[in-house]
Amino acid sequence: ECPEIKTAEGKAAKRAVEALVRDAKSVTIYTSKADKYDRYLADVFFEMNDGTEVFLNNHLLAHGLADRKDAWQFADWEKVEQR
């Protein structure tokens, strides 16, 4: 889980991802379905120009730009009908 984009920490995470995108030869994204907020969780892989592969999720964790969230509530993934 990354910090909110409006925070200094969120901006730092965004800059790190932008740097990876600039230096990537290709990007592969695996996702399934949206949660109740219409957000998609994804596994993102960058194939870098030097041939190495970077798994974005682990990269962000390793560089202190995201926090690991081990406990999810089932309701996190259920869509809530708007009335």
C-alpha atoms as a PDB file:
ATOM      1  CA  GLU A   1       0.000   0.000   0.000  1.00  0.00           C
ATOM      2  CA  CYS A   2       1.475   3.318  -1.078  1.00  0.00           C
ATOM      3  CA  PRO A   3       0.898   6.612   0.701  1.00  0.00           C
ATOM      4  CA  GLU A   4      -1.629   9.074  -0.650  1.00  0.00           C
ATOM      5  CA  ILE A   5      -0.305  10.906  -3.710  1.00  0.00           C
ATOM      6  CA  LYS A   6      -0.810  14.347  -2.123  1.00  0.00           C
ATOM      7  CA  THR A   7       1.741  13.600   0.616  1.00  0.00           C
ATOM      8  CA  ALA A   8       5.522  13.982   0.313  1.00  0.00           C
ATOM      9  CA  GLU A   9       5.847  10.193   0.623  1.00  0.00           C
ATOM     10  CA  GLY A  10       3.270   9.652  -2.126  1.00  0.00           C
ATOM     11  CA  LYS A  11       5.087  12.061  -4.425  1.00  0.00           C
ATOM     12  CA  ALA A  12       8.363  10.222  -3.782  1.00  0.00           C
ATOM     13  CA  ALA A  13       6.724   6.907  -4.714  1.00  0.00           C
ATOM     14  CA  LYS A  14       5.311   8.467  -7.885  1.00  0.00           C
ATOM     15  CA  ARG A  15       8.744   9.791  -8.914  1.00  0.00           C
ATOM     16  CA  ALA A  16      10.263   6.333  -8.367  1.00  0.00           C
ATOM     17  CA  VAL A  17       7.647   4.699 -10.595  1.00  0.00           C
ATOM     18  CA  GLU A  18       8.094   7.369 -13.268  1.00  0.00           C
ATOM     19  CA  ALA A  19      11.846   6.689 -13.284  1.00  0.00           C
ATOM     20  CA  LEU A  20      11.229   2.968 -13.772  1.00  0.00           C
ATOM     21  CA  VAL A  21       8.814   3.641 -16.630  1.00  0.00           C
ATOM     22  CA  ARG A  22      11.343   5.910 -18.364  1.00  0.00           C
ATOM     23  CA  ASP A  23      14.048   3.220 -18.164  1.00  0.00           C
ATOM     24  CA  ALA A  24      11.818   0.256 -19.055  1.00  0.00           C
ATOM     25  CA  LYS A  25      11.781  -1.597 -22.337  1.00  0.00           C
ATOM     26  CA  SER A  26       8.345  -3.037 -21.586  1.00  0.00           C
ATOM     27  CA  VAL A  27       5.697  -3.164 -18.877  1.00  0.00           C
ATOM     28  CA  THR A  28       3.485  -6.146 -18.015  1.00  0.00           C
ATOM     29  CA  ILE A  29       0.419  -5.717 -15.800  1.00  0.00           C
ATOM     30  CA  TYR A  30      -1.628  -8.525 -14.247  1.00  0.00           C
ATOM     31  CA  THR A  31      -4.901  -7.586 -12.563  1.00  0.00           C
ATOM     32  CA  SER A  32      -8.272  -9.126 -11.807  1.00  0.00           C
ATOM     33  CA  LYS A  33     -11.251  -7.048 -10.754  1.00  0.00           C
ATOM     34  CA  ALA A  34     -12.015  -3.707  -9.181  1.00  0.00           C
ATOM     35  CA  ASP A  35     -12.667  -3.328  -5.471  1.00  0.00           C
ATOM     36  CA  LYS A  36     -15.625  -1.435  -4.032  1.00  0.00           C
ATOM     37  CA  TYR A  37     -13.889   1.877  -4.806  1.00  0.00           C
ATOM     38  CA  ASP A  38     -13.308   0.889  -8.469  1.00  0.00           C
ATOM     39  CA  ARG A  39      -9.559   0.521  -7.835  1.00  0.00           C
ATOM     40  CA  TYR A  40      -7.649  -2.335  -9.411  1.00  0.00           C
ATOM     41  CA  LEU A  41      -4.862  -4.068  -7.556  1.00  0.00           C
ATOM     42  CA  ALA A  42      -2.164  -5.160  -9.944  1.00  0.00           C
ATOM     43  CA  ASP A  43       1.150  -6.938 -10.202  1.00  0.00           C
ATOM     44  CA  VAL A  44       3.374  -4.771 -12.385  1.00  0.00           C
ATOM     45  CA  PHE A  45       6.607  -5.981 -13.975  1.00  0.00           C
ATOM     46  CA  PHE A  46       9.131  -3.845 -15.824  1.00  0.00           C
ATOM     47  CA  GLU A  47      11.595  -5.336 -18.269  1.00  0.00           C
ATOM     48  CA  MET A  48      14.467  -2.896 -18.066  1.00  0.00           C
ATOM     49  CA  ASN A  49      16.664  -1.896 -20.995  1.00  0.00           C
ATOM     50  CA  ASP A  50      19.565  -3.875 -19.475  1.00  0.00           C
ATOM     51  CA  GLY A  51      17.450  -7.064 -19.517  1.00  0.00           C
ATOM     52  CA  THR A  52      16.667  -7.217 -15.801  1.00  0.00           C
ATOM     53  CA  GLU A  53      13.115  -7.544 -14.538  1.00  0.00           C
ATOM     54  CA  VAL A  54      11.708  -5.408 -11.729  1.00  0.00           C
ATOM     55  CA  PHE A  55       8.565  -6.399  -9.830  1.00  0.00           C
ATOM     56  CA  LEU A  56       7.125  -2.998  -8.911  1.00  0.00           C
ATOM     57  CA  ASN A  57       5.369  -4.171  -5.750  1.00  0.00           C
ATOM     58  CA  ASN A  58       8.627  -5.522  -4.250  1.00  0.00           C
ATOM     59  CA  HIS A  59      10.652  -2.561  -5.527  1.00  0.00           C
ATOM     60  CA  LEU A  60       8.393  -0.110  -3.686  1.00  0.00           C
ATOM     61  CA  LEU A  61       8.578  -2.170  -0.499  1.00  0.00           C
ATOM     62  CA  ALA A  62      12.361  -2.597  -0.681  1.00  0.00           C
ATOM     63  CA  HIS A  63      12.871   1.139  -1.093  1.00  0.00           C
ATOM     64  CA  GLY A  64      10.513   2.125   1.738  1.00  0.00           C
ATOM     65  CA  LEU A  65       7.996   3.664  -0.659  1.00  0.00           C
ATOM     66  CA  ALA A  66       5.101   1.373   0.291  1.00  0.00           C
ATOM     67  CA  ASP A  67       3.922  -0.603   3.293  1.00  0.00           C
ATOM     68  CA  ARG A  68       2.958  -4.254   3.270  1.00  0.00           C
ATOM     69  CA  LYS A  69      -0.670  -4.896   4.145  1.00  0.00           C
ATOM     70  CA  ASP A  70      -1.159  -8.477   5.288  1.00  0.00           C
ATOM     71  CA  ALA A  71      -4.738  -8.319   6.500  1.00  0.00           C
ATOM     72  CA  TRP A  72      -7.535  -7.506   4.095  1.00  0.00           C
ATOM     73  CA  GLN A  73     -11.126  -7.359   5.054  1.00  0.00           C
ATOM     74  CA  PHE A  74     -13.422  -9.217   2.704  1.00  0.00           C
ATOM     75  CA  ALA A  75     -15.432  -6.013   2.388  1.00  0.00           C
ATOM     76  CA  ASP A  76     -12.380  -4.344   0.790  1.00  0.00           C
ATOM     77  CA  TRP A  77     -13.240  -6.235  -2.398  1.00  0.00           C
ATOM     78  CA  GLU A  78     -17.010  -6.122  -2.374  1.00  0.00           C
ATOM     79  CA  LYS A  79     -18.718  -3.434  -4.380  1.00  0.00           C
ATOM     80  CA  VAL A  80     -21.121  -1.347  -2.359  1.00  0.00           C
ATOM     81  CA  GLU A  81     -24.271  -0.339  -4.173  1.00  0.00           C
ATOM     82  CA  GLN A  82     -24.870   3.391  -4.196  1.00  0.00           C
ATOM     83  CA  ARG A  83     -28.344   4.500  -3.163  1.00  0.00           C
END
